[in-house]
Amino acid sequence: AAALGMTGQAAEAAGMGYRNPAVVAASAFVRAAATELRLAPADKGKDPPEDVAGEFLHGVASGDPTSDAVVIWTRVTTQHGAAVPVSWSVWPLDGGSGAAANLSGTVSAEPSRDFTVKVDVQPLVWGVRYAYRFTCGAAASPVGHFKLQPPRGTPLKSLRFAIFSCANWKFGTFAAYGRAAVESLDFWLHVGDFIYENGLDSYPSDPTEIFRGGLDPPHETVTLDDYRRRYALYRTDHDLQNLSAAAPLIAIWDDHEVANDAWVDGAKNHQPETEGDYQVRKRAAIRAYHEWLPTRLGAVLAAQGTSAELAPWKLWRSFDFGDLATLLVLETRLTSRSNSTRGLGDVFKRIDATIAEHGSPPMEQWNGSALERELQALGREVHEHISLPERRLLGEEQLQWMRGEVRSSAADGVRWRLIGQQLAQPRESFDVEKAIRHGSGSSSDRVRRAAARWSELVSNSTQVGKTYEFDILLPYAKADRGKRLEVTDDIRKRALRMYAAGRYGIQWNLDGWE
């Protein structure tokens, strides 16, 4: 506890009931926690002035809940460059039970951690609803709440949680967070893209698709300061603050927390010639992630025999919820993942080029043509690429851990194994034509009407000058909602690409489990 900079009744051992790959000794946890909180040398700046002033502009959060512990988080905004003391307190609501006690302590908000604060609070009592808050001088944070679930083997009838991903600031406010905040959740799970790295010039860049301004930084995030500023921006969202205060978060990143389509040694959206060493960027991104989210990093890595300095991205872990469920949280991006398109190229561009080389004929002329044979060959090539034995996603270490956790959970009589992970699992591209044929023969009037509308879309979207009622190819264009739009050359090209991928089973998105 001293290594965490806490005083008072705080955690001294690894989270009991927290099922890591191995049992963690208390001394190992203290060392790991100290490593986690001191990724940079301790600050040697001036002592803070006596009239320490701080504000809690980014709310509070709790996370990585076990049956007797939780991580609480906040961030202090101060005009002083030196570290500031932050007090924390946790107390049971409605009196709690006889075993539930008030806990409190003090921790230092350090510039080296961007003035974020995390405290691993224990011992707590499962089933008791707790409240918590932080203070800095005269300033007090919002009050957060959590209730812990029972350890493995304890009877549990139900579990209430929400799942989120892909939160892009420019696409609009995070209303779904706000809706979930009033749902009395036991926890919420974020499976990646908590932030997006893109600047104003990409995804989205079309003004008709941008619903919210104020992006900070305005450029793509590359450095540690960039990522910190982006998290700070996201944490000002009112709905995110409400949900973060309402229930514990269990989180894992996807790619955009670093860069689009990330893998071990690079990313599609990383250009070494202008953005520098990818490993430096990856470390900066993950450091900011752990600073700004209520993760319990030290204990997880200590159980794996590693540290935050060596591999802060090895965050796979599991959570138990009585005899009802075990949640396995996987890391599928930064530890073992291969470059999914190496040697294959951009499949969409190859489909476009193949169709263009044959004069972009109407779809009704494809059957039995040379174009069809080439598209079928491309589909086979992609399938063979997907099946290459050297391609990796989880890696052997994580896969062995996962096998062990699944077997252990099942042997203990737990009824559900839940997998929290980042990636979609499509086996092939969506065959719109096949769906239309199936829907046209449905006994449901609603399904038949939907099939008729899709049939019109397929027919019209492949003919320049025709109009269409809605557009799955440009789903975010707010200015075009409710209108009939004219098919342009670009729309036709996009439509032919999608229909070709579906008809011939060409898996174009190799960013998932493929």
Protein backbone atom coordinates (compact mmCIF):
# COMPACT_ATOMS: atom_id res chain seq x y z
CA ALA A 1 0.00 0.00 0.00
CA ALA A 2 2.86 2.36 0.75
CA ALA A 3 4.26 1.77 -2.71
CA LEU A 4 0.97 3.05 -4.13
CA GLY A 5 1.38 6.31 -2.23
CA MET A 6 -1.68 5.56 -0.07
CA THR A 7 -2.29 5.99 3.61
CA GLY A 8 -5.11 4.57 5.69
CA GLN A 9 -6.91 1.31 5.00
CA ALA A 10 -6.05 0.37 1.45
CA ALA A 11 -5.03 -2.69 -0.49
CA GLU A 12 -1.88 -4.56 0.47
CA ALA A 13 -2.21 -7.69 -1.63
CA ALA A 14 -3.26 -8.71 -5.08
CA GLY A 15 -7.00 -8.80 -5.65
CA MET A 16 -8.30 -11.91 -3.95
CA GLY A 17 -10.86 -13.58 -6.18
CA TYR A 18 -9.21 -11.99 -9.21
CA ARG A 19 -8.35 -15.01 -11.34
CA ASN A 20 -5.00 -14.28 -12.90
CA PRO A 21 -2.84 -16.93 -14.56
CA ALA A 22 -1.11 -17.52 -11.23
CA VAL A 23 -1.51 -16.62 -7.58
CA VAL A 24 0.16 -13.29 -6.86
CA ALA A 25 2.03 -12.78 -3.62
CA ALA A 26 1.48 -9.54 -1.77
CA SER A 27 5.09 -8.48 -2.16
CA ALA A 28 4.96 -9.08 -5.93
CA PHE A 29 1.83 -6.97 -6.19
CA VAL A 30 3.36 -4.06 -4.30
CA ARG A 31 6.39 -4.09 -6.58
CA ALA A 32 4.22 -4.35 -9.69
CA ALA A 33 1.89 -1.60 -8.54
CA ALA A 34 4.82 0.69 -7.92
CA THR A 35 6.07 -0.05 -11.42
CA GLU A 36 2.65 0.64 -12.86
CA LEU A 37 2.37 4.03 -11.25
CA ARG A 38 5.92 5.10 -11.99
CA LEU A 39 6.39 4.59 -15.69
CA ALA A 40 8.51 7.74 -15.70
CA PRO A 41 11.02 8.94 -13.08
CA ALA A 42 9.42 10.56 -10.05
CA ASP A 43 8.94 14.28 -10.43
CA LYS A 44 11.49 16.45 -8.64
CA GLY A 45 9.70 19.76 -9.16
CA LYS A 46 8.89 22.36 -6.55
CA ASP A 47 6.69 21.48 -3.62
CA PRO A 48 3.06 22.47 -4.24
CA PRO A 49 2.03 25.77 -2.69
CA GLU A 50 0.08 25.68 0.53
CA ASP A 51 -3.09 26.86 -1.21
CA VAL A 52 -3.26 23.79 -3.43
CA ALA A 53 -6.10 24.20 -5.89
CA GLY A 54 -7.44 21.48 -8.12
CA GLU A 55 -10.55 20.74 -10.13
CA PHE A 56 -12.13 17.45 -11.11
CA LEU A 57 -13.15 18.24 -14.68
CA HIS A 58 -13.00 14.67 -15.99
CA GLY A 59 -15.24 12.91 -13.51
CA VAL A 60 -14.55 9.68 -11.65
CA ALA A 61 -14.52 6.03 -12.60
CA SER A 62 -14.19 2.58 -11.11
CA GLY A 63 -12.94 -0.51 -12.85
CA ASP A 64 -11.61 -4.07 -12.88
CA PRO A 65 -13.99 -5.21 -10.09
CA THR A 66 -13.38 -8.39 -8.10
CA SER A 67 -15.45 -9.77 -5.26
CA ASP A 68 -13.49 -7.72 -2.72
CA ALA A 69 -11.65 -4.96 -4.59
CA VAL A 70 -12.05 -2.29 -7.22
CA VAL A 71 -9.84 0.35 -8.83
CA ILE A 72 -11.12 3.91 -8.44
CA TRP A 73 -9.87 6.67 -10.75
CA THR A 74 -9.96 10.39 -11.28
CA ARG A 75 -7.90 13.20 -12.78
CA VAL A 76 -6.99 16.50 -11.15
CA THR A 77 -6.72 19.67 -13.20
CA THR A 78 -4.36 22.10 -11.50
CA GLN A 79 -2.53 25.24 -12.51
CA HIS A 80 0.55 24.11 -10.60
CA GLY A 81 3.18 21.97 -12.29
CA ALA A 82 4.05 20.02 -9.16
CA ALA A 83 2.39 16.96 -7.70
CA VAL A 84 -0.67 17.54 -5.54
CA PRO A 85 -2.11 15.40 -2.73
CA VAL A 86 -5.50 13.88 -3.40
CA SER A 87 -7.64 12.30 -0.72
CA TRP A 88 -10.04 9.48 -1.46
CA SER A 89 -12.82 7.86 0.49
CA VAL A 90 -15.08 4.84 -0.03
CA TRP A 91 -18.11 4.14 2.13
CA PRO A 92 -21.05 1.69 2.15
CA LEU A 93 -24.48 3.12 1.41
CA ASP A 94 -27.50 2.39 3.61
CA GLY A 95 -25.20 1.26 6.36
CA GLY A 96 -23.93 -1.71 4.37
CA SER A 97 -23.31 -4.88 6.36
CA GLY A 98 -21.43 -5.34 9.58
CA ALA A 99 -18.28 -6.23 7.68
CA ALA A 100 -18.40 -3.23 5.33
CA ALA A 101 -16.18 -0.42 6.56
CA ASN A 102 -15.33 3.10 5.48
CA LEU A 103 -11.98 3.26 3.70
CA SER A 104 -9.91 6.34 3.00
CA GLY A 105 -6.43 7.46 2.16
CA THR A 106 -4.24 9.91 0.30
CA VAL A 107 -2.42 9.53 -3.00
CA SER A 108 -0.27 11.89 -5.03
CA ALA A 109 -1.43 13.16 -8.43
CA GLU A 110 1.86 13.27 -10.35
CA PRO A 111 2.72 15.18 -13.53
CA SER A 112 4.43 11.99 -14.76
CA ARG A 113 0.98 10.36 -14.83
CA ASP A 114 -0.78 13.39 -16.28
CA PHE A 115 -2.26 14.08 -12.84
CA THR A 116 -4.42 10.96 -13.03
CA VAL A 117 -5.01 8.97 -9.85
CA LYS A 118 -5.77 5.28 -9.41
CA VAL A 119 -6.31 3.47 -6.13
CA ASP A 120 -6.85 -0.29 -5.82
CA VAL A 121 -9.27 -0.29 -2.89
CA GLN A 122 -9.66 -3.34 -0.67
CA PRO A 123 -10.88 -5.12 1.36
CA LEU A 124 -14.46 -4.55 0.27
CA VAL A 125 -17.59 -6.67 0.71
CA TRP A 126 -19.43 -8.03 -2.30
CA GLY A 127 -23.15 -7.33 -2.53
CA VAL A 128 -22.82 -3.98 -0.75
CA ARG A 129 -23.45 -0.79 -2.69
CA TYR A 130 -20.59 1.64 -2.13
CA ALA A 131 -20.00 5.29 -2.91
CA TYR A 132 -16.65 7.01 -3.40
CA ARG A 133 -15.17 10.39 -4.14
CA PHE A 134 -11.90 12.34 -4.20
CA THR A 135 -10.94 15.71 -2.77
CA CYS A 136 -8.06 18.07 -3.52
CA GLY A 137 -7.89 21.08 -1.26
CA ALA A 138 -11.37 22.55 -1.19
CA ALA A 139 -12.42 20.83 -4.42
CA ALA A 140 -14.50 17.64 -4.36
CA SER A 141 -15.08 15.24 -7.23
CA PRO A 142 -18.46 13.89 -8.27
CA VAL A 143 -19.57 10.86 -6.27
CA GLY A 144 -19.25 7.48 -7.93
CA HIS A 145 -20.94 4.18 -7.07
CA PHE A 146 -20.27 0.46 -7.44
CA LYS A 147 -21.43 -2.90 -6.13
CA LEU A 148 -19.17 -5.94 -6.32
CA GLN A 149 -20.33 -9.39 -7.40
CA PRO A 150 -19.72 -12.63 -5.48
CA PRO A 151 -16.66 -14.88 -5.95
CA ARG A 152 -16.68 -17.98 -8.10
CA GLY A 153 -18.92 -20.72 -6.79
CA THR A 154 -21.34 -18.45 -4.93
CA PRO A 155 -24.93 -18.72 -6.21
CA LEU A 156 -25.87 -15.81 -8.49
CA LYS A 157 -29.13 -15.60 -10.46
CA SER A 158 -28.49 -12.71 -12.84
CA LEU A 159 -25.92 -10.26 -14.13
CA ARG A 160 -26.68 -6.91 -15.74
CA PHE A 161 -24.11 -5.31 -18.01
CA ALA A 162 -23.75 -3.26 -21.19
CA ILE A 163 -21.20 -3.59 -24.01
CA PHE A 164 -19.66 -0.71 -25.95
CA SER A 165 -17.09 -0.10 -28.66
CA CYS A 166 -16.10 2.38 -31.39
CA ALA A 167 -16.64 5.80 -29.76
CA ASN A 168 -15.67 8.39 -32.37
CA TRP A 169 -15.93 11.95 -31.02
CA LYS A 170 -16.67 13.55 -34.38
CA PHE A 171 -19.67 11.32 -35.10
CA GLY A 172 -21.60 12.84 -32.19
CA THR A 173 -22.28 12.80 -28.48
CA PHE A 174 -22.10 9.49 -26.64
CA ALA A 175 -25.81 9.18 -25.91
CA ALA A 176 -25.63 5.41 -25.48
CA TYR A 177 -23.38 5.90 -22.46
CA GLY A 178 -25.95 8.20 -20.92
CA ARG A 179 -28.75 5.73 -21.54
CA ALA A 180 -26.79 2.92 -19.89
CA ALA A 181 -25.93 5.09 -16.88
CA VAL A 182 -29.51 4.81 -15.60
CA GLU A 183 -29.80 1.05 -16.09
CA SER A 184 -28.47 -0.08 -12.67
CA LEU A 185 -25.62 -2.04 -14.27
CA ASP A 186 -23.35 -4.43 -12.40
CA PHE A 187 -20.55 -3.40 -14.76
CA TRP A 188 -20.00 -2.15 -18.30
CA LEU A 189 -17.64 -3.64 -20.83
CA HIS A 190 -15.76 -1.61 -23.42
CA VAL A 191 -14.17 -3.83 -26.06
CA GLY A 192 -12.13 -1.24 -27.91
CA ASP A 193 -11.84 2.06 -29.72
CA PHE A 194 -12.46 4.01 -26.51
CA ILE A 195 -10.89 6.87 -28.49
CA TYR A 196 -10.01 7.36 -32.17
CA GLU A 197 -6.58 8.59 -33.17
CA ASN A 198 -7.70 10.38 -36.33
CA GLY A 199 -7.32 14.12 -36.81
CA LEU A 200 -9.69 16.55 -38.45
CA ASP A 201 -8.58 15.39 -41.89
CA SER A 202 -9.81 11.79 -41.63
CA TYR A 203 -12.62 9.52 -40.47
CA PRO A 204 -14.74 11.48 -40.80
CA SER A 205 -13.46 14.41 -42.83
CA ASP A 206 -16.59 15.18 -44.86
CA PRO A 207 -18.36 18.09 -43.10
CA THR A 208 -21.73 16.42 -43.71
CA GLU A 209 -20.61 13.51 -41.54
CA ILE A 210 -19.21 15.52 -38.60
CA PHE A 211 -21.69 16.00 -35.77
CA ARG A 212 -19.36 17.38 -33.09
CA GLY A 213 -16.42 19.78 -33.21
CA GLY A 214 -13.67 20.72 -30.79
CA LEU A 215 -11.37 17.79 -31.57
CA ASP A 216 -8.20 18.02 -29.46
CA PRO A 217 -5.57 17.73 -30.62
CA PRO A 218 -6.83 18.65 -34.10
CA HIS A 219 -4.18 16.44 -35.69
CA GLU A 220 -3.68 12.68 -35.49
CA THR A 221 -2.47 11.42 -32.11
CA VAL A 222 1.11 10.17 -32.27
CA THR A 223 2.93 11.31 -29.12
CA LEU A 224 2.20 10.70 -25.44
CA ASP A 225 0.97 14.28 -25.11
CA ASP A 226 -1.33 13.78 -28.11
CA TYR A 227 -2.96 10.69 -26.64
CA ARG A 228 -3.32 12.29 -23.22
CA ARG A 229 -5.08 15.30 -24.76
CA ARG A 230 -7.46 13.06 -26.70
CA TYR A 231 -8.43 11.09 -23.56
CA ALA A 232 -8.85 14.36 -21.67
CA LEU A 233 -11.25 15.54 -24.38
CA TYR A 234 -13.30 12.34 -24.33
CA ARG A 235 -13.51 12.42 -20.54
CA THR A 236 -15.30 15.78 -20.73
CA ASP A 237 -18.30 14.07 -22.37
CA HIS A 238 -21.22 14.33 -19.96
CA ASP A 239 -22.67 10.91 -20.79
CA LEU A 240 -19.31 9.17 -20.43
CA GLN A 241 -18.83 10.80 -17.04
CA ASN A 242 -22.28 9.67 -15.88
CA LEU A 243 -21.72 6.06 -16.90
CA SER A 244 -18.20 6.00 -15.48
CA ALA A 245 -19.57 7.11 -12.11
CA ALA A 246 -22.50 4.68 -12.18
CA ALA A 247 -20.79 1.28 -12.48
CA PRO A 248 -17.36 -0.35 -12.77
CA LEU A 249 -15.69 -0.55 -16.17
CA ILE A 250 -13.94 -3.60 -17.61
CA ALA A 251 -12.04 -2.53 -20.71
CA ILE A 252 -9.63 -3.64 -23.38
CA TRP A 253 -8.36 -1.69 -26.36
CA ASP A 254 -8.76 -2.40 -30.07
CA ASP A 255 -6.71 -0.65 -32.75
CA HIS A 256 -7.72 3.02 -32.67
CA GLU A 257 -6.33 3.52 -29.19
CA VAL A 258 -3.01 3.28 -31.08
CA ALA A 259 -3.66 3.51 -34.83
CA ASN A 260 -6.07 1.98 -37.33
CA ASP A 261 -5.51 -1.72 -38.12
CA ALA A 262 -2.72 -2.14 -35.59
CA TRP A 263 -0.61 -5.26 -35.18
CA VAL A 264 2.56 -6.16 -33.28
CA ASP A 265 5.04 -4.28 -35.46
CA GLY A 266 2.96 -1.65 -37.23
CA ALA A 267 -0.41 -0.28 -38.23
CA LYS A 268 -2.14 0.67 -41.44
CA ASN A 269 -2.44 4.21 -40.12
CA HIS A 270 1.19 4.55 -39.05
CA GLN A 271 3.75 5.99 -41.46
CA PRO A 272 7.28 5.55 -40.02
CA GLU A 273 8.79 8.07 -42.41
CA THR A 274 6.70 10.91 -40.93
CA GLU A 275 5.46 9.55 -37.59
CA GLY A 276 8.58 7.85 -36.28
CA ASP A 277 9.17 4.54 -34.55
CA TYR A 278 5.95 2.55 -34.22
CA GLN A 279 7.05 0.92 -30.98
CA VAL A 280 7.53 4.33 -29.38
CA ARG A 281 4.06 5.33 -30.51
CA LYS A 282 2.54 2.08 -29.27
CA ARG A 283 4.10 2.48 -25.83
CA ALA A 284 2.93 6.09 -25.60
CA ALA A 285 -0.61 5.10 -26.56
CA ILE A 286 -0.85 2.25 -24.06
CA ARG A 287 0.70 4.34 -21.30
CA ALA A 288 -1.97 7.01 -21.82
CA TYR A 289 -4.65 4.29 -21.88
CA HIS A 290 -3.60 2.97 -18.47
CA GLU A 291 -3.34 6.50 -17.10
CA TRP A 292 -6.85 7.47 -18.17
CA LEU A 293 -8.75 4.21 -17.54
CA PRO A 294 -9.30 2.38 -14.23
CA THR A 295 -7.26 -0.71 -15.12
CA ARG A 296 -5.43 -2.97 -12.66
CA LEU A 297 -2.24 -3.46 -14.65
CA GLY A 298 0.42 -4.37 -12.11
CA ALA A 299 -1.17 -7.50 -10.67
CA VAL A 300 -2.03 -8.87 -14.11
CA LEU A 301 1.49 -8.49 -15.45
CA ALA A 302 3.13 -9.75 -12.25
CA ALA A 303 1.13 -12.96 -12.59
CA GLN A 304 2.55 -13.37 -16.10
CA GLY A 305 6.10 -12.76 -14.92
CA THR A 306 6.42 -9.46 -16.77
CA SER A 307 6.10 -5.75 -16.01
CA ALA A 308 4.76 -2.49 -17.34
CA GLU A 309 8.19 -1.61 -18.66
CA LEU A 310 8.40 -4.82 -20.69
CA ALA A 311 4.88 -5.42 -21.97
CA PRO A 312 2.08 -3.12 -20.77
CA TRP A 313 -0.15 -4.48 -23.55
CA LYS A 314 -0.42 -8.02 -22.11
CA LEU A 315 -3.71 -7.20 -20.42
CA TRP A 316 -5.66 -10.41 -20.93
CA ARG A 317 -7.46 -11.32 -17.71
CA SER A 318 -10.62 -12.90 -16.29
CA PHE A 319 -13.42 -11.93 -13.93
CA ASP A 320 -15.73 -14.18 -11.94
CA PHE A 321 -19.40 -13.53 -11.20
CA GLY A 322 -20.45 -16.21 -8.73
CA ASP A 323 -21.51 -19.49 -10.28
CA LEU A 324 -23.19 -17.67 -13.17
CA ALA A 325 -20.37 -16.48 -15.44
CA THR A 326 -16.66 -16.12 -16.04
CA LEU A 327 -15.65 -13.25 -18.29
CA LEU A 328 -12.43 -13.73 -20.27
CA VAL A 329 -11.02 -10.47 -21.66
CA LEU A 330 -8.67 -11.01 -24.59
CA GLU A 331 -5.90 -8.91 -26.12
CA THR A 332 -5.91 -9.42 -29.90
CA ARG A 333 -3.88 -6.49 -31.23
CA LEU A 334 -0.49 -5.70 -29.79
CA THR A 335 0.98 -8.88 -28.31
CA SER A 336 1.02 -11.43 -31.12
CA ARG A 337 -1.09 -10.25 -34.05
CA SER A 338 0.33 -10.66 -37.55
CA ASN A 339 0.01 -8.09 -40.33
CA SER A 340 -3.25 -9.38 -41.73
CA THR A 341 -2.79 -8.16 -45.32
CA ARG A 342 0.95 -8.68 -45.86
CA GLY A 343 1.45 -10.15 -49.31
CA LEU A 344 -2.20 -9.66 -50.22
CA GLY A 345 -2.72 -5.92 -50.49
CA ASP A 346 -5.94 -3.94 -50.23
CA VAL A 347 -8.70 -6.38 -51.23
CA PHE A 348 -11.22 -3.62 -51.96
CA LYS A 349 -8.81 -1.92 -54.35
CA ARG A 350 -8.13 -5.22 -56.08
CA ILE A 351 -11.86 -5.83 -56.59
CA ASP A 352 -12.22 -2.31 -58.01
CA ALA A 353 -9.28 -2.81 -60.36
CA THR A 354 -10.55 -6.20 -61.58
CA ILE A 355 -14.00 -4.83 -62.40
CA ALA A 356 -12.52 -1.75 -64.10
CA GLU A 357 -10.18 -3.84 -66.25
CA HIS A 358 -13.23 -5.54 -67.75
CA GLY A 359 -15.04 -2.29 -68.46
CA SER A 360 -17.25 -2.26 -65.35
CA PRO A 361 -20.11 -4.22 -67.00
CA PRO A 362 -23.59 -4.49 -65.44
CA MET A 363 -23.95 -7.31 -62.93
CA GLU A 364 -26.30 -9.28 -65.16
CA GLN A 365 -23.39 -9.75 -67.58
CA TRP A 366 -21.04 -11.26 -65.00
CA ASN A 367 -22.29 -14.86 -65.09
CA GLY A 368 -19.84 -17.09 -66.99
CA SER A 369 -17.59 -14.16 -67.94
CA ALA A 370 -13.84 -13.71 -67.62
CA LEU A 371 -14.58 -11.09 -64.95
CA GLU A 372 -16.44 -13.66 -62.90
CA ARG A 373 -13.57 -16.14 -63.17
CA GLU A 374 -11.06 -13.53 -61.99
CA LEU A 375 -13.25 -12.52 -59.05
CA GLN A 376 -13.67 -16.17 -58.09
CA ALA A 377 -9.89 -16.59 -58.26
CA LEU A 378 -9.42 -13.56 -56.00
CA GLY A 379 -11.84 -15.09 -53.51
CA ARG A 380 -9.80 -18.30 -53.46
CA GLU A 381 -6.58 -16.34 -53.02
CA VAL A 382 -7.96 -14.46 -50.04
CA HIS A 383 -9.23 -17.68 -48.47
CA GLU A 384 -5.81 -19.30 -48.87
CA HIS A 385 -4.19 -16.24 -47.31
CA ILE A 386 -6.54 -16.41 -44.34
CA SER A 387 -5.59 -20.06 -43.86
CA LEU A 388 -1.79 -19.52 -43.75
CA PRO A 389 -0.48 -21.42 -40.70
CA GLU A 390 2.05 -18.74 -39.75
CA ARG A 391 -0.63 -16.08 -39.13
CA ARG A 392 -1.22 -15.28 -35.47
CA LEU A 393 -3.78 -13.42 -33.39
CA LEU A 394 -3.76 -14.41 -29.70
CA GLY A 395 -0.34 -16.04 -29.50
CA GLU A 396 0.44 -19.31 -27.77
CA GLU A 397 0.87 -17.85 -24.26
CA GLN A 398 -2.55 -16.22 -24.27
CA LEU A 399 -4.18 -19.20 -25.96
CA GLN A 400 -2.85 -21.57 -23.29
CA TRP A 401 -4.08 -19.21 -20.58
CA MET A 402 -7.52 -19.07 -22.22
CA ARG A 403 -7.72 -22.88 -22.43
CA GLY A 404 -6.89 -23.13 -18.75
CA GLU A 405 -9.45 -20.53 -17.73
CA VAL A 406 -12.23 -22.14 -19.76
CA ARG A 407 -11.50 -25.59 -18.33
CA SER A 408 -11.22 -24.28 -14.77
CA SER A 409 -14.46 -22.33 -15.00
CA ALA A 410 -16.35 -25.30 -16.43
CA ALA A 411 -14.89 -27.68 -13.84
CA ASP A 412 -16.07 -25.36 -11.07
CA GLY A 413 -19.64 -25.53 -12.36
CA VAL A 414 -19.83 -21.97 -13.69
CA ARG A 415 -22.70 -21.84 -16.18
CA TRP A 416 -21.44 -19.28 -18.72
CA ARG A 417 -18.10 -18.41 -20.31
CA LEU A 418 -18.25 -14.86 -21.72
CA ILE A 419 -15.56 -13.68 -24.14
CA GLY A 420 -14.81 -9.95 -24.10
CA GLN A 421 -12.81 -9.17 -27.22
CA GLN A 422 -12.45 -6.61 -29.96
CA LEU A 423 -13.03 -8.26 -33.29
CA ALA A 424 -15.95 -9.09 -35.53
CA GLN A 425 -16.23 -12.70 -36.65
CA PRO A 426 -17.61 -12.69 -40.22
CA ARG A 427 -16.87 -15.76 -42.28
CA GLU A 428 -17.48 -14.03 -45.61
CA SER A 429 -18.71 -10.74 -47.01
CA PHE A 430 -22.44 -10.11 -46.86
CA ASP A 431 -24.23 -11.50 -49.92
CA VAL A 432 -26.98 -8.93 -50.49
CA GLU A 433 -28.41 -10.76 -53.52
CA LYS A 434 -28.75 -14.01 -51.61
CA ALA A 435 -30.48 -12.20 -48.75
CA ILE A 436 -32.93 -10.61 -51.20
CA ARG A 437 -33.79 -13.99 -52.73
CA HIS A 438 -34.34 -15.45 -49.27
CA GLY A 439 -36.40 -12.49 -48.06
CA SER A 440 -38.58 -12.41 -51.17
CA GLY A 441 -39.91 -15.85 -50.33
CA SER A 442 -40.58 -15.08 -46.67
CA SER A 443 -44.03 -15.58 -45.16
CA SER A 444 -43.60 -12.23 -43.39
CA ASP A 445 -44.98 -9.14 -45.14
CA ARG A 446 -42.40 -6.99 -43.37
CA VAL A 447 -39.51 -9.12 -44.60
CA ARG A 448 -40.86 -9.21 -48.16
CA ARG A 449 -41.23 -5.41 -48.18
CA ALA A 450 -37.67 -5.03 -46.92
CA ALA A 451 -36.41 -7.40 -49.62
CA ALA A 452 -38.23 -5.35 -52.26
CA ARG A 453 -36.59 -2.15 -51.05
CA TRP A 454 -33.16 -3.78 -51.07
CA SER A 455 -33.81 -5.17 -54.53
CA GLU A 456 -34.53 -1.64 -55.76
CA LEU A 457 -31.33 -0.42 -54.10
CA VAL A 458 -29.21 -3.11 -55.77
CA SER A 459 -30.73 -2.42 -59.18
CA ASN A 460 -30.58 1.37 -59.01
CA SER A 461 -27.23 1.74 -57.26
CA THR A 462 -25.46 0.04 -60.17
CA GLN A 463 -26.90 2.44 -62.77
CA VAL A 464 -25.55 5.99 -63.00
CA GLY A 465 -28.37 8.54 -62.99
CA LYS A 466 -30.85 6.38 -61.11
CA THR A 467 -31.94 7.31 -57.60
CA TYR A 468 -32.03 5.35 -54.39
CA GLU A 469 -33.98 5.72 -51.15
CA PHE A 470 -31.29 4.98 -48.62
CA ASP A 471 -27.60 4.24 -48.75
CA ILE A 472 -25.72 1.63 -46.76
CA LEU A 473 -22.50 2.77 -48.40
CA LEU A 474 -22.58 6.25 -46.85
CA PRO A 475 -24.45 5.72 -43.58
CA TYR A 476 -23.25 8.82 -41.74
CA ALA A 477 -24.13 11.57 -44.24
CA LYS A 478 -26.51 13.60 -42.08
CA ALA A 479 -27.44 16.05 -44.87
CA ASP A 480 -28.78 13.22 -47.06
CA ARG A 481 -31.11 11.48 -44.63
CA GLY A 482 -34.63 11.03 -45.93
CA LYS A 483 -33.75 12.01 -49.47
CA ARG A 484 -33.58 10.16 -52.76
CA LEU A 485 -30.07 10.58 -54.09
CA GLU A 486 -28.71 10.22 -57.59
CA VAL A 487 -26.25 7.45 -58.34
CA THR A 488 -22.86 8.81 -59.32
CA ASP A 489 -19.90 6.98 -60.86
CA ASP A 490 -18.35 6.71 -57.39
CA ILE A 491 -21.53 5.26 -55.85
CA ARG A 492 -21.79 2.73 -58.67
CA LYS A 493 -18.17 1.67 -58.14
CA ARG A 494 -18.75 1.20 -54.43
CA ALA A 495 -21.92 -0.77 -55.04
CA LEU A 496 -20.34 -3.11 -57.58
CA ARG A 497 -17.44 -3.71 -55.20
CA MET A 498 -19.73 -4.70 -52.33
CA TYR A 499 -22.00 -6.89 -54.44
CA ALA A 500 -19.00 -8.65 -56.02
CA ALA A 501 -17.48 -9.36 -52.62
CA GLY A 502 -20.77 -10.85 -51.42
CA ARG A 503 -21.58 -12.86 -54.56
CA TYR A 504 -18.14 -14.48 -54.77
CA GLY A 505 -17.38 -14.76 -51.05
CA ILE A 506 -14.39 -12.41 -51.13
CA GLN A 507 -13.57 -11.59 -47.53
CA TRP A 508 -12.43 -7.99 -47.84
CA ASN A 509 -12.18 -7.13 -44.14
CA LEU A 510 -9.14 -8.95 -42.82
CA ASP A 511 -9.15 -6.92 -39.60
CA GLY A 512 -11.36 -9.40 -37.74
CA TRP A 513 -10.92 -13.03 -36.69
CA GLU A 514 -10.14 -14.02 -40.29
